[in-house]
Amino acid sequence: VYCIQTMRSPDTTMEWLLSHFCFPAQEQLTQCLQDQKLSCCR
């Protein structure tokens, strides 16, 4: 909500949210989000 309210870019928001997970989980989540065709940087 903070990232949305302050209109941070989606790629910054994704990095911020992924920072709550351990590195292996971050990699898996990043892949999962890419598989969903969720464009964070387009």
Full PDB file with SEQRES, HELIX, SHEET, SSBOND, CRYST1, ORIGX, SCALE, CONECT and MASTER records, all heavy atoms in Angstrom:
SEQRES   1 A   42  VAL TYR CYS ILE GLN THR MET ARG SER PRO ASP THR THR          
SEQRES   2 A   42  MET GLU TRP LEU LEU SER HIS PHE CYS PHE PRO ALA GLN          
SEQRES   3 A   42  GLU GLN LEU THR GLN CYS LEU GLN ASP GLN LYS LEU SER          
SEQRES   4 A   42  CYS CYS ARG                                                  
HELIX    1 AA1 TYR A    2  GLN A    5  1                                   4    
HELIX    2 AA2 PRO A   10  LEU A   18  1                                   9    
HELIX    3 AA3 PHE A   23  ASP A   35  1                                  13    
CRYST1    1.000    1.000    1.000  90.00  90.00  90.00 P 1           1          
ORIGX1      1.000000  0.000000  0.000000        0.00000                         
ORIGX2      0.000000  1.000000  0.000000        0.00000                         
ORIGX3      0.000000  0.000000  1.000000        0.00000                         
SCALE1      1.000000  0.000000  0.000000        0.00000                         
SCALE2      0.000000  1.000000  0.000000        0.00000                         
SCALE3      0.000000  0.000000  1.000000        0.00000                         
ATOM      1  N   VAL A   1       0.845  -1.201   0.000  1.00  0.00           N  
ATOM      2  CA  VAL A   1       0.000   0.000   0.000  1.00  0.00           C  
ATOM      3  C   VAL A   1       0.880   1.250   0.000  1.00  0.00           C  
ATOM      4  O   VAL A   1       0.598   2.217  -0.721  1.00  0.00           O  
ATOM      5  CB  VAL A   1      -0.986  -0.011   1.193  1.00  0.00           C  
ATOM      6  CG1 VAL A   1      -1.654   1.345   1.369  1.00  0.00           C  
ATOM      7  CG2 VAL A   1      -2.035  -1.096   1.000  1.00  0.00           C  
ATOM      8  N   TYR A   2       1.950   1.231   0.787  1.00  0.00           N  
ATOM      9  CA  TYR A   2       2.856   2.386   0.816  1.00  0.00           C  
ATOM     10  C   TYR A   2       3.444   2.637  -0.578  1.00  0.00           C  
ATOM     11  O   TYR A   2       3.479   3.784  -1.046  1.00  0.00           O  
ATOM     12  CB  TYR A   2       3.978   2.167   1.833  1.00  0.00           C  
ATOM     13  CG  TYR A   2       4.971   3.298   1.839  1.00  0.00           C  
ATOM     14  CD1 TYR A   2       4.687   4.486   2.512  1.00  0.00           C  
ATOM     15  CD2 TYR A   2       6.170   3.210   1.149  1.00  0.00           C  
ATOM     16  CE1 TYR A   2       5.575   5.542   2.494  1.00  0.00           C  
ATOM     17  CE2 TYR A   2       7.065   4.259   1.131  1.00  0.00           C  
ATOM     18  CZ  TYR A   2       6.771   5.429   1.802  1.00  0.00           C  
ATOM     19  OH  TYR A   2       7.646   6.477   1.768  1.00  0.00           O  
ATOM     20  N   CYS A   3       3.895   1.587  -1.237  1.00  0.00           N  
ATOM     21  CA  CYS A   3       4.477   1.739  -2.582  1.00  0.00           C  
ATOM     22  C   CYS A   3       3.449   2.269  -3.576  1.00  0.00           C  
ATOM     23  O   CYS A   3       3.755   3.113  -4.415  1.00  0.00           O  
ATOM     24  CB  CYS A   3       5.040   0.407  -3.072  1.00  0.00           C  
ATOM     25  SG  CYS A   3       6.553  -0.108  -2.243  1.00  0.00           S  
ATOM     26  N   ILE A   4       2.227   1.765  -3.476  1.00  0.00           N  
ATOM     27  CA  ILE A   4       1.168   2.228  -4.378  1.00  0.00           C  
ATOM     28  C   ILE A   4       0.839   3.686  -4.086  1.00  0.00           C  
ATOM     29  O   ILE A   4       0.743   4.506  -5.004  1.00  0.00           O  
ATOM     30  CB  ILE A   4      -0.076   1.327  -4.248  1.00  0.00           C  
ATOM     31  CG1 ILE A   4       0.226  -0.053  -4.827  1.00  0.00           C  
ATOM     32  CG2 ILE A   4      -1.289   1.974  -4.917  1.00  0.00           C  
ATOM     33  CD1 ILE A   4      -0.798  -1.111  -4.494  1.00  0.00           C  
ATOM     34  N   GLN A   5       0.694   4.024  -2.812  1.00  0.00           N  
ATOM     35  CA  GLN A   5       0.336   5.393  -2.447  1.00  0.00           C  
ATOM     36  C   GLN A   5       1.395   6.391  -2.898  1.00  0.00           C  
ATOM     37  O   GLN A   5       1.074   7.484  -3.338  1.00  0.00           O  
ATOM     38  CB  GLN A   5       0.128   5.507  -0.944  1.00  0.00           C  
ATOM     39  CG  GLN A   5      -0.310   6.905  -0.519  1.00  0.00           C  
ATOM     40  CD  GLN A   5      -0.509   7.023   0.970  1.00  0.00           C  
ATOM     41  OE1 GLN A   5       0.081   6.282   1.747  1.00  0.00           O  
ATOM     42  NE2 GLN A   5      -1.353   7.957   1.375  1.00  0.00           N  
ATOM     43  N   THR A   6       2.652   6.016  -2.791  1.00  0.00           N  
ATOM     44  CA  THR A   6       3.733   6.928  -3.175  1.00  0.00           C  
ATOM     45  C   THR A   6       4.103   6.782  -4.645  1.00  0.00           C  
ATOM     46  O   THR A   6       5.056   7.408  -5.100  1.00  0.00           O  
ATOM     47  CB  THR A   6       4.973   6.702  -2.291  1.00  0.00           C  
ATOM     48  OG1 THR A   6       5.395   5.343  -2.392  1.00  0.00           O  
ATOM     49  CG2 THR A   6       4.666   7.057  -0.841  1.00  0.00           C  
ATOM     50  N   MET A   7       3.333   5.958  -5.369  1.00  0.00           N  
ATOM     51  CA  MET A   7       3.462   5.770  -6.814  1.00  0.00           C  
ATOM     52  C   MET A   7       4.873   5.340  -7.212  1.00  0.00           C  
ATOM     53  O   MET A   7       5.427   5.807  -8.200  1.00  0.00           O  
ATOM     54  CB  MET A   7       2.982   7.004  -7.570  1.00  0.00           C  
ATOM     55  CG  MET A   7       1.519   7.293  -7.309  1.00  0.00           C  
ATOM     56  SD  MET A   7       0.846   8.658  -8.225  1.00  0.00           S  
ATOM     57  CE  MET A   7       0.625   7.866  -9.808  1.00  0.00           C  
ATOM     58  N   ARG A   8       5.426   4.424  -6.439  1.00  0.00           N  
ATOM     59  CA  ARG A   8       6.721   3.848  -6.812  1.00  0.00           C  
ATOM     60  C   ARG A   8       6.525   3.010  -8.069  1.00  0.00           C  
ATOM     61  O   ARG A   8       5.455   2.464  -8.303  1.00  0.00           O  
ATOM     62  CB  ARG A   8       7.273   2.982  -5.687  1.00  0.00           C  
ATOM     63  CG  ARG A   8       7.591   3.793  -4.456  1.00  0.00           C  
ATOM     64  CD  ARG A   8       8.416   2.980  -3.490  1.00  0.00           C  
ATOM     65  NE  ARG A   8       8.566   3.673  -2.227  1.00  0.00           N  
ATOM     66  CZ  ARG A   8       9.566   4.506  -1.951  1.00  0.00           C  
ATOM     67  NH1 ARG A   8      10.492   4.731  -2.834  1.00  0.00           N  
ATOM     68  NH2 ARG A   8       9.632   5.093  -0.781  1.00  0.00           N  
ATOM     69  N   SER A   9       7.580   2.892  -8.850  1.00  0.00           N  
ATOM     70  CA  SER A   9       7.485   2.096 -10.071  1.00  0.00           C  
ATOM     71  C   SER A   9       7.242   0.634  -9.700  1.00  0.00           C  
ATOM     72  O   SER A   9       7.695   0.174  -8.644  1.00  0.00           O  
ATOM     73  CB  SER A   9       8.760   2.228 -10.899  1.00  0.00           C  
ATOM     74  OG  SER A   9       9.845   1.629 -10.222  1.00  0.00           O  
ATOM     75  N   PRO A  10       6.521  -0.104 -10.533  1.00  0.00           N  
ATOM     76  CA  PRO A  10       6.241  -1.507 -10.224  1.00  0.00           C  
ATOM     77  C   PRO A  10       7.500  -2.351 -10.019  1.00  0.00           C  
ATOM     78  O   PRO A  10       7.508  -3.242  -9.184  1.00  0.00           O  
ATOM     79  CB  PRO A  10       5.441  -1.993 -11.435  1.00  0.00           C  
ATOM     80  CG  PRO A  10       4.777  -0.764 -11.940  1.00  0.00           C  
ATOM     81  CD  PRO A  10       5.783   0.339 -11.718  1.00  0.00           C  
ATOM     82  N   ASP A  11       8.580  -2.067 -10.754  1.00  0.00           N  
ATOM     83  CA  ASP A  11       9.793  -2.850 -10.552  1.00  0.00           C  
ATOM     84  C   ASP A  11      10.401  -2.569  -9.177  1.00  0.00           C  
ATOM     85  O   ASP A  11      10.893  -3.474  -8.503  1.00  0.00           O  
ATOM     86  CB  ASP A  11      10.816  -2.640 -11.667  1.00  0.00           C  
ATOM     87  CG  ASP A  11      11.193  -1.197 -11.885  1.00  0.00           C  
ATOM     88  OD1 ASP A  11      10.346  -0.316 -11.649  1.00  0.00           O  
ATOM     89  OD2 ASP A  11      12.334  -0.934 -12.304  1.00  0.00           O  
ATOM     90  N   THR A  12      10.339  -1.331  -8.709  1.00  0.00           N  
ATOM     91  CA  THR A  12      10.813  -0.999  -7.360  1.00  0.00           C  
ATOM     92  C   THR A  12       9.919  -1.656  -6.314  1.00  0.00           C  
ATOM     93  O   THR A  12      10.409  -2.216  -5.327  1.00  0.00           O  
ATOM     94  CB  THR A  12      10.834   0.526  -7.155  1.00  0.00           C  
ATOM     95  OG1 THR A  12      11.684   1.117  -8.134  1.00  0.00           O  
ATOM     96  CG2 THR A  12      11.309   0.902  -5.767  1.00  0.00           C  
ATOM     97  N   THR A  13       8.616  -1.616  -6.538  1.00  0.00           N  
ATOM     98  CA  THR A  13       7.672  -2.254  -5.619  1.00  0.00           C  
ATOM     99  C   THR A  13       7.947  -3.751  -5.528  1.00  0.00           C  
ATOM    100  O   THR A  13       7.972  -4.319  -4.436  1.00  0.00           O  
ATOM    101  CB  THR A  13       6.224  -2.009  -6.071  1.00  0.00           C  
ATOM    102  OG1 THR A  13       5.985  -0.599  -6.093  1.00  0.00           O  
ATOM    103  CG2 THR A  13       5.223  -2.682  -5.150  1.00  0.00           C  
ATOM    104  N   MET A  14       8.181  -4.381  -6.669  1.00  0.00           N  
ATOM    105  CA  MET A  14       8.453  -5.810  -6.662  1.00  0.00           C  
ATOM    106  C   MET A  14       9.710  -6.119  -5.846  1.00  0.00           C  
ATOM    107  O   MET A  14       9.710  -7.031  -5.024  1.00  0.00           O  
ATOM    108  CB  MET A  14       8.612  -6.356  -8.079  1.00  0.00           C  
ATOM    109  CG  MET A  14       8.769  -7.869  -8.096  1.00  0.00           C  
ATOM    110  SD  MET A  14       8.724  -8.595  -9.731  1.00  0.00           S  
ATOM    111  CE  MET A  14      10.413  -8.362 -10.234  1.00  0.00           C  
ATOM    112  N   GLU A  15      10.770  -5.342  -6.032  1.00  0.00           N  
ATOM    113  CA  GLU A  15      12.005  -5.568  -5.274  1.00  0.00           C  
ATOM    114  C   GLU A  15      11.759  -5.367  -3.782  1.00  0.00           C  
ATOM    115  O   GLU A  15      12.252  -6.126  -2.955  1.00  0.00           O  
ATOM    116  CB  GLU A  15      13.110  -4.638  -5.762  1.00  0.00           C  
ATOM    117  CG  GLU A  15      13.684  -5.027  -7.101  1.00  0.00           C  
ATOM    118  CD  GLU A  15      14.295  -6.414  -7.126  1.00  0.00           C  
ATOM    119  OE1 GLU A  15      14.907  -6.842  -6.114  1.00  0.00           O  
ATOM    120  OE2 GLU A  15      14.155  -7.083  -8.158  1.00  0.00           O  
ATOM    121  N   TRP A  16      11.003  -4.350  -3.445  1.00  0.00           N  
ATOM    122  CA  TRP A  16      10.708  -4.059  -2.047  1.00  0.00           C  
ATOM    123  C   TRP A  16       9.954  -5.233  -1.411  1.00  0.00           C  
ATOM    124  O   TRP A  16      10.292  -5.699  -0.325  1.00  0.00           O  
ATOM    125  CB  TRP A  16       9.877  -2.788  -1.955  1.00  0.00           C  
ATOM    126  CG  TRP A  16       9.684  -2.232  -0.574  1.00  0.00           C  
ATOM    127  CD1 TRP A  16       9.487  -2.939   0.574  1.00  0.00           C  
ATOM    128  CD2 TRP A  16       9.659  -0.878  -0.205  1.00  0.00           C  
ATOM    129  NE1 TRP A  16       9.319  -2.088   1.632  1.00  0.00           N  
ATOM    130  CE2 TRP A  16       9.428  -0.810   1.181  1.00  0.00           C  
ATOM    131  CE3 TRP A  16       9.780   0.307  -0.907  1.00  0.00           C  
ATOM    132  CZ2 TRP A  16       9.318   0.388   1.877  1.00  0.00           C  
ATOM    133  CZ3 TRP A  16       9.679   1.501  -0.216  1.00  0.00           C  
ATOM    134  CH2 TRP A  16       9.466   1.544   1.164  1.00  0.00           C  
ATOM    135  N   LEU A  17       8.928  -5.726  -2.103  1.00  0.00           N  
ATOM    136  CA  LEU A  17       8.121  -6.810  -1.559  1.00  0.00           C  
ATOM    137  C   LEU A  17       8.898  -8.129  -1.513  1.00  0.00           C  
ATOM    138  O   LEU A  17       8.772  -8.887  -0.559  1.00  0.00           O  
ATOM    139  CB  LEU A  17       6.836  -6.963  -2.361  1.00  0.00           C  
ATOM    140  CG  LEU A  17       5.903  -5.752  -2.329  1.00  0.00           C  
ATOM    141  CD1 LEU A  17       4.669  -6.005  -3.178  1.00  0.00           C  
ATOM    142  CD2 LEU A  17       5.524  -5.368  -0.917  1.00  0.00           C  
ATOM    143  N   LEU A  18       9.699  -8.387  -2.524  1.00  0.00           N  
ATOM    144  CA  LEU A  18      10.486  -9.617  -2.536  1.00  0.00           C  
ATOM    145  C   LEU A  18      11.547  -9.626  -1.440  1.00  0.00           C  
ATOM    146  O   LEU A  18      11.987 -10.691  -1.012  1.00  0.00           O  
ATOM    147  CB  LEU A  18      11.150  -9.826  -3.896  1.00  0.00           C  
ATOM    148  CG  LEU A  18      10.219 -10.201  -5.049  1.00  0.00           C  
ATOM    149  CD1 LEU A  18      11.007 -10.324  -6.346  1.00  0.00           C  
ATOM    150  CD2 LEU A  18       9.448 -11.481  -4.757  1.00  0.00           C  
ATOM    151  N   SER A  19      11.923  -8.443  -0.952  1.00  0.00           N  
ATOM    152  CA  SER A  19      12.947  -8.384   0.101  1.00  0.00           C  
ATOM    153  C   SER A  19      12.478  -9.035   1.402  1.00  0.00           C  
ATOM    154  O   SER A  19      13.300  -9.324   2.275  1.00  0.00           O  
ATOM    155  CB  SER A  19      13.373  -6.934   0.355  1.00  0.00           C  
ATOM    156  OG  SER A  19      12.346  -6.210   1.014  1.00  0.00           O  
ATOM    157  N   HIS A  20      11.208  -9.322   1.526  1.00  0.00           N  
ATOM    158  CA  HIS A  20      10.680 -10.001   2.712  1.00  0.00           C  
ATOM    159  C   HIS A  20      10.929 -11.510   2.674  1.00  0.00           C  
ATOM    160  O   HIS A  20      10.666 -12.195   3.651  1.00  0.00           O  
ATOM    161  CB  HIS A  20       9.181  -9.741   2.876  1.00  0.00           C  
ATOM    162  CG  HIS A  20       8.854  -8.329   3.217  1.00  0.00           C  
ATOM    163  ND1 HIS A  20       9.206  -7.746   4.414  1.00  0.00           N  
ATOM    164  CD2 HIS A  20       8.222  -7.359   2.512  1.00  0.00           C  
ATOM    165  CE1 HIS A  20       8.797  -6.494   4.434  1.00  0.00           C  
ATOM    166  NE2 HIS A  20       8.197  -6.233   3.296  1.00  0.00           N  
ATOM    167  N   PHE A  21      11.405 -12.009   1.548  1.00  0.00           N  
ATOM    168  CA  PHE A  21      11.605 -13.444   1.373  1.00  0.00           C  
ATOM    169  C   PHE A  21      13.101 -13.770   1.320  1.00  0.00           C  
ATOM    170  O   PHE A  21      13.914 -12.927   0.931  1.00  0.00           O  
ATOM    171  CB  PHE A  21      10.956 -13.916   0.070  1.00  0.00           C  
ATOM    172  CG  PHE A  21       9.461 -13.734   0.041  1.00  0.00           C  
ATOM    173  CD1 PHE A  21       8.896 -12.558  -0.436  1.00  0.00           C  
ATOM    174  CD2 PHE A  21       8.620 -14.744   0.480  1.00  0.00           C  
ATOM    175  CE1 PHE A  21       7.522 -12.390  -0.464  1.00  0.00           C  
ATOM    176  CE2 PHE A  21       7.247 -14.584   0.455  1.00  0.00           C  
ATOM    177  CZ  PHE A  21       6.696 -13.415  -0.012  1.00  0.00           C  
ATOM    178  N   CYS A  22      13.446 -15.019   1.654  1.00  0.00           N  
ATOM    179  CA  CYS A  22      14.845 -15.452   1.540  1.00  0.00           C  
ATOM    180  C   CYS A  22      15.221 -15.521   0.055  1.00  0.00           C  
ATOM    181  O   CYS A  22      14.353 -15.574  -0.815  1.00  0.00           O  
ATOM    182  CB  CYS A  22      15.047 -16.805   2.230  1.00  0.00           C  
ATOM    183  SG  CYS A  22      14.137 -18.150   1.462  1.00  0.00           S  
ATOM    184  N   PHE A  23      16.525 -15.528  -0.233  1.00  0.00           N  
ATOM    185  CA  PHE A  23      16.990 -15.477  -1.620  1.00  0.00           C  
ATOM    186  C   PHE A  23      16.416 -16.583  -2.511  1.00  0.00           C  
ATOM    187  O   PHE A  23      15.942 -16.280  -3.613  1.00  0.00           O  
ATOM    188  CB  PHE A  23      18.523 -15.478  -1.688  1.00  0.00           C  
ATOM    189  CG  PHE A  23      19.126 -14.170  -1.255  1.00  0.00           C  
ATOM    190  CD1 PHE A  23      20.067 -14.141  -0.240  1.00  0.00           C  
ATOM    191  CD2 PHE A  23      18.772 -12.971  -1.848  1.00  0.00           C  
ATOM    192  CE1 PHE A  23      20.636 -12.937   0.174  1.00  0.00           C  
ATOM    193  CE2 PHE A  23      19.318 -11.767  -1.447  1.00  0.00           C  
ATOM    194  CZ  PHE A  23      20.261 -11.751  -0.431  1.00  0.00           C  
ATOM    195  N   PRO A  24      16.417 -17.854  -2.078  1.00  0.00           N  
ATOM    196  CA  PRO A  24      15.832 -18.877  -2.964  1.00  0.00           C  
ATOM    197  C   PRO A  24      14.348 -18.618  -3.265  1.00  0.00           C  
ATOM    198  O   PRO A  24      13.894 -18.808  -4.389  1.00  0.00           O  
ATOM    199  CB  PRO A  24      16.008 -20.182  -2.172  1.00  0.00           C  
ATOM    200  CG  PRO A  24      17.156 -19.914  -1.258  1.00  0.00           C  
ATOM    201  CD  PRO A  24      17.043 -18.458  -0.898  1.00  0.00           C  
ATOM    202  N   ALA A  25      13.611 -18.157  -2.273  1.00  0.00           N  
ATOM    203  CA  ALA A  25      12.195 -17.850  -2.490  1.00  0.00           C  
ATOM    204  C   ALA A  25      12.045 -16.650  -3.423  1.00  0.00           C  
ATOM    205  O   ALA A  25      11.131 -16.619  -4.251  1.00  0.00           O  
ATOM    206  CB  ALA A  25      11.498 -17.579  -1.161  1.00  0.00           C  
ATOM    207  N   GLN A  26      12.931 -15.658  -3.300  1.00  0.00           N  
ATOM    208  CA  GLN A  26      12.890 -14.502  -4.194  1.00  0.00           C  
ATOM    209  C   GLN A  26      13.033 -14.945  -5.644  1.00  0.00           C  
ATOM    210  O   GLN A  26      12.303 -14.478  -6.521  1.00  0.00           O  
ATOM    211  CB  GLN A  26      14.001 -13.510  -3.858  1.00  0.00           C  
ATOM    212  CG  GLN A  26      13.781 -12.710  -2.614  1.00  0.00           C  
ATOM    213  CD  GLN A  26      14.909 -11.724  -2.349  1.00  0.00           C  
ATOM    214  OE1 GLN A  26      15.664 -11.362  -3.249  1.00  0.00           O  
ATOM    215  NE2 GLN A  26      15.026 -11.297  -1.107  1.00  0.00           N  
ATOM    216  N   GLU A  27      13.973 -15.857  -5.894  1.00  0.00           N  
ATOM    217  CA  GLU A  27      14.193 -16.343  -7.257  1.00  0.00           C  
ATOM    218  C   GLU A  27      12.958 -17.071  -7.772  1.00  0.00           C  
ATOM    219  O   GLU A  27      12.529 -16.850  -8.914  1.00  0.00           O  
ATOM    220  CB  GLU A  27      15.414 -17.267  -7.295  1.00  0.00           C  
ATOM    221  CG  GLU A  27      16.720 -16.541  -7.050  1.00  0.00           C  
ATOM    222  CD  GLU A  27      17.908 -17.493  -6.919  1.00  0.00           C  
ATOM    223  OE1 GLU A  27      17.796 -18.664  -7.331  1.00  0.00           O  
ATOM    224  OE2 GLU A  27      18.941 -17.055  -6.391  1.00  0.00           O  
ATOM    225  N   GLN A  28      12.366 -17.919  -6.943  1.00  0.00           N  
ATOM    226  CA  GLN A  28      11.170 -18.650  -7.355  1.00  0.00           C  
ATOM    227  C   GLN A  28      10.000 -17.710  -7.600  1.00  0.00           C  
ATOM    228  O   GLN A  28       9.263 -17.865  -8.567  1.00  0.00           O  
ATOM    229  CB  GLN A  28      10.793 -19.684  -6.295  1.00  0.00           C  
ATOM    230  CG  GLN A  28      11.755 -20.844  -6.216  1.00  0.00           C  
ATOM    231  CD  GLN A  28      11.403 -21.805  -5.096  1.00  0.00           C  
ATOM    232  OE1 GLN A  28      10.714 -21.445  -4.141  1.00  0.00           O  
ATOM    233  NE2 GLN A  28      11.885 -23.031  -5.208  1.00  0.00           N  
ATOM    234  N   LEU A  29       9.821 -16.737  -6.728  1.00  0.00           N  
ATOM    235  CA  LEU A  29       8.722 -15.779  -6.890  1.00  0.00           C  
ATOM    236  C   LEU A  29       8.917 -14.930  -8.139  1.00  0.00           C  
ATOM    237  O   LEU A  29       7.955 -14.656  -8.863  1.00  0.00           O  
ATOM    238  CB  LEU A  29       8.603 -14.892  -5.652  1.00  0.00           C  
ATOM    239  CG  LEU A  29       8.005 -15.572  -4.431  1.00  0.00           C  
ATOM    240  CD1 LEU A  29       8.194 -14.704  -3.190  1.00  0.00           C  
ATOM    241  CD2 LEU A  29       6.532 -15.874  -4.655  1.00  0.00           C  
ATOM    242  N   THR A  30      10.131 -14.500  -8.385  1.00  0.00           N  
ATOM    243  CA  THR A  30      10.411 -13.714  -9.587  1.00  0.00           C  
ATOM    244  C   THR A  30      10.042 -14.516 -10.822  1.00  0.00           C  
ATOM    245  O   THR A  30       9.395 -14.001 -11.734  1.00  0.00           O  
ATOM    246  CB  THR A  30      11.889 -13.285  -9.631  1.00  0.00           C  
ATOM    247  OG1 THR A  30      12.166 -12.495  -8.466  1.00  0.00           O  
ATOM    248  CG2 THR A  30      12.191 -12.470 -10.870  1.00  0.00           C  
ATOM    249  N   GLN A  31      10.431 -15.785 -10.850  1.00  0.00           N  
ATOM    250  CA  GLN A  31      10.098 -16.648 -11.986  1.00  0.00           C  
ATOM    251  C   GLN A  31       8.589 -16.826 -12.101  1.00  0.00           C  
ATOM    252  O   GLN A  31       8.036 -16.740 -13.186  1.00  0.00           O  
ATOM    253  CB  GLN A  31      10.784 -18.010 -11.842  1.00  0.00           C  
ATOM    254  CG  GLN A  31      10.543 -18.930 -13.017  1.00  0.00           C  
ATOM    255  CD  GLN A  31      11.086 -18.363 -14.315  1.00  0.00           C  
ATOM    256  OE1 GLN A  31      12.196 -17.851 -14.361  1.00  0.00           O  
ATOM    257  NE2 GLN A  31      10.297 -18.428 -15.355  1.00  0.00           N  
ATOM    258  N   CYS A  32       7.929 -17.030 -10.996  1.00  0.00           N  
ATOM    259  CA  CYS A  32       6.476 -17.210 -10.993  1.00  0.00           C  
ATOM    260  C   CYS A  32       5.781 -15.958 -11.532  1.00  0.00           C  
ATOM    261  O   CYS A  32       4.853 -16.052 -12.327  1.00  0.00           O  
ATOM    262  CB  CYS A  32       5.984 -17.515  -9.586  1.00  0.00           C  
ATOM    263  SG  CYS A  32       4.205 -17.731  -9.474  1.00  0.00           S  
ATOM    264  N   LEU A  33       6.235 -14.803 -11.103  1.00  0.00           N  
ATOM    265  CA  LEU A  33       5.635 -13.548 -11.565  1.00  0.00           C  
ATOM    266  C   LEU A  33       5.887 -13.349 -13.053  1.00  0.00           C  
ATOM    267  O   LEU A  33       5.025 -12.856 -13.777  1.00  0.00           O  
ATOM    268  CB  LEU A  33       6.172 -12.369 -10.756  1.00  0.00           C  
ATOM    269  CG  LEU A  33       5.752 -12.353  -9.287  1.00  0.00           C  
ATOM    270  CD1 LEU A  33       6.500 -11.268  -8.527  1.00  0.00           C  
ATOM    271  CD2 LEU A  33       4.254 -12.177  -9.139  1.00  0.00           C  
ATOM    272  N   GLN A  34       7.072 -13.754 -13.526  1.00  0.00           N  
ATOM    273  CA  GLN A  34       7.357 -13.651 -14.957  1.00  0.00           C  
ATOM    274  C   GLN A  34       6.487 -14.616 -15.741  1.00  0.00           C  
ATOM    275  O   GLN A  34       6.015 -14.294 -16.829  1.00  0.00           O  
ATOM    276  CB  GLN A  34       8.839 -13.923 -15.226  1.00  0.00           C  
ATOM    277  CG  GLN A  34       9.741 -12.827 -14.751  1.00  0.00           C  
ATOM    278  CD  GLN A  34      11.221 -13.185 -14.827  1.00  0.00           C  
ATOM    279  OE1 GLN A  34      11.585 -14.332 -15.078  1.00  0.00           O  
ATOM    280  NE2 GLN A  34      12.070 -12.202 -14.598  1.00  0.00           N  
ATOM    281  N   ASP A  35       6.270 -15.829 -15.196  1.00  0.00           N  
ATOM    282  CA  ASP A  35       5.412 -16.804 -15.857  1.00  0.00           C  
ATOM    283  C   ASP A  35       3.990 -16.291 -16.005  1.00  0.00           C  
ATOM    284  O   ASP A  35       3.284 -16.678 -16.922  1.00  0.00           O  
ATOM    285  CB  ASP A  35       5.380 -18.120 -15.066  1.00  0.00           C  
ATOM    286  CG  ASP A  35       6.705 -18.866 -15.128  1.00  0.00           C  
ATOM    287  OD1 ASP A  35       7.561 -18.511 -15.970  1.00  0.00           O  
ATOM    288  OD2 ASP A  35       6.892 -19.795 -14.312  1.00  0.00           O  
ATOM    289  N   GLN A  36       3.574 -15.427 -15.101  1.00  0.00           N  
ATOM    290  CA  GLN A  36       2.234 -14.858 -15.151  1.00  0.00           C  
ATOM    291  C   GLN A  36       2.135 -13.699 -16.134  1.00  0.00           C  
ATOM    292  O   GLN A  36       1.126 -13.057 -16.247  1.00  0.00           O  
ATOM    293  CB  GLN A  36       1.815 -14.376 -13.757  1.00  0.00           C  
ATOM    294  CG  GLN A  36       1.709 -15.476 -12.730  1.00  0.00           C  
ATOM    295  CD  GLN A  36       0.592 -16.438 -13.056  1.00  0.00           C  
ATOM    296  OE1 GLN A  36      -0.483 -16.045 -13.484  1.00  0.00           O  
ATOM    297  NE2 GLN A  36       0.847 -17.712 -12.866  1.00  0.00           N  
ATOM    298  N   LYS A  37       3.227 -13.405 -16.815  1.00  0.00           N  
ATOM    299  CA  LYS A  37       3.282 -12.315 -17.795  1.00  0.00           C  
ATOM    300  C   LYS A  37       2.954 -10.972 -17.144  1.00  0.00           C  
ATOM    301  O   LYS A  37       2.340 -10.110 -17.731  1.00  0.00           O  
ATOM    302  CB  LYS A  37       2.339 -12.564 -18.962  1.00  0.00           C  
ATOM    303  CG  LYS A  37       2.494 -13.920 -19.610  1.00  0.00           C  
ATOM    304  CD  LYS A  37       3.395 -13.862 -20.796  1.00  0.00           C  
ATOM    305  CE  LYS A  37       3.409 -15.155 -21.571  1.00  0.00           C  
ATOM    306  NZ  LYS A  37       4.286 -16.174 -21.085  1.00  0.00           N  
ATOM    307  N   LEU A  38       3.376 -10.818 -15.899  1.00  0.00           N  
ATOM    308  CA  LEU A  38       3.157  -9.573 -15.189  1.00  0.00           C  
ATOM    309  C   LEU A  38       4.312  -8.653 -15.510  1.00  0.00           C  
ATOM    310  O   LEU A  38       5.443  -8.904 -15.132  1.00  0.00           O  
ATOM    311  CB  LEU A  38       3.083  -9.828 -13.688  1.00  0.00           C  
ATOM    312  CG  LEU A  38       2.722  -8.645 -12.825  1.00  0.00           C  
ATOM    313  CD1 LEU A  38       1.317  -8.154 -13.167  1.00  0.00           C  
ATOM    314  CD2 LEU A  38       2.783  -9.036 -11.370  1.00  0.00           C  
ATOM    315  N   SER A  39       4.058  -7.610 -16.258  1.00  0.00           N  
ATOM    316  CA  SER A  39       5.105  -6.695 -16.676  1.00  0.00           C  
ATOM    317  C   SER A  39       5.340  -5.657 -15.599  1.00  0.00           C  
ATOM    318  O   SER A  39       4.480  -4.835 -15.331  1.00  0.00           O  
ATOM    319  CB  SER A  39       4.706  -5.997 -17.978  1.00  0.00           C  
ATOM    320  OG  SER A  39       5.605  -4.970 -18.273  1.00  0.00           O  
ATOM    321  N   CYS A  40       6.500  -5.723 -14.984  1.00  0.00           N  
ATOM    322  CA  CYS A  40       6.816  -4.761 -13.932  1.00  0.00           C  
ATOM    323  C   CYS A  40       7.660  -3.610 -14.446  1.00  0.00           C  
ATOM    324  O   CYS A  40       7.834  -2.622 -13.780  1.00  0.00           O  
ATOM    325  CB  CYS A  40       7.557  -5.453 -12.799  1.00  0.00           C  
ATOM    326  SG  CYS A  40       6.508  -6.616 -11.943  1.00  0.00           S  
ATOM    327  N   CYS A  41       8.232  -3.756 -15.606  1.00  0.00           N  
ATOM    328  CA  CYS A  41       9.178  -2.751 -16.090  1.00  0.00           C  
ATOM    329  C   CYS A  41       8.800  -2.193 -17.456  1.00  0.00           C  
ATOM    330  O   CYS A  41       9.483  -1.336 -17.969  1.00  0.00           O  
ATOM    331  CB  CYS A  41      10.577  -3.350 -16.185  1.00  0.00           C  
ATOM    332  SG  CYS A  41      11.139  -4.106 -14.675  1.00  0.00           S  
ATOM    333  N   ARG A  42       7.728  -2.720 -18.060  1.00  0.00           N  
ATOM    334  CA  ARG A  42       7.393  -2.325 -19.419  1.00  0.00           C  
ATOM    335  C   ARG A  42       7.037  -0.843 -19.472  1.00  0.00           C  
ATOM    336  O   ARG A  42       6.151  -0.386 -18.747  1.00  0.00           O  
ATOM    337  CB  ARG A  42       6.200  -3.151 -19.915  1.00  0.00           C  
ATOM    338  CG  ARG A  42       5.840  -2.866 -21.358  1.00  0.00           C  
ATOM    339  CD  ARG A  42       4.659  -3.694 -21.790  1.00  0.00           C  
ATOM    340  NE  ARG A  42       3.420  -3.340 -21.129  1.00  0.00           N  
ATOM    341  CZ  ARG A  42       2.642  -2.318 -21.496  1.00  0.00           C  
ATOM    342  NH1 ARG A  42       2.997  -1.533 -22.482  1.00  0.00           N  
ATOM    343  NH2 ARG A  42       1.527  -2.082 -20.856  1.00  0.00           N  
TER     344      ARG A  42                                                      
MASTER        0    0    0    3    0    0    0    6  343    1    0    4          
END                                                                             
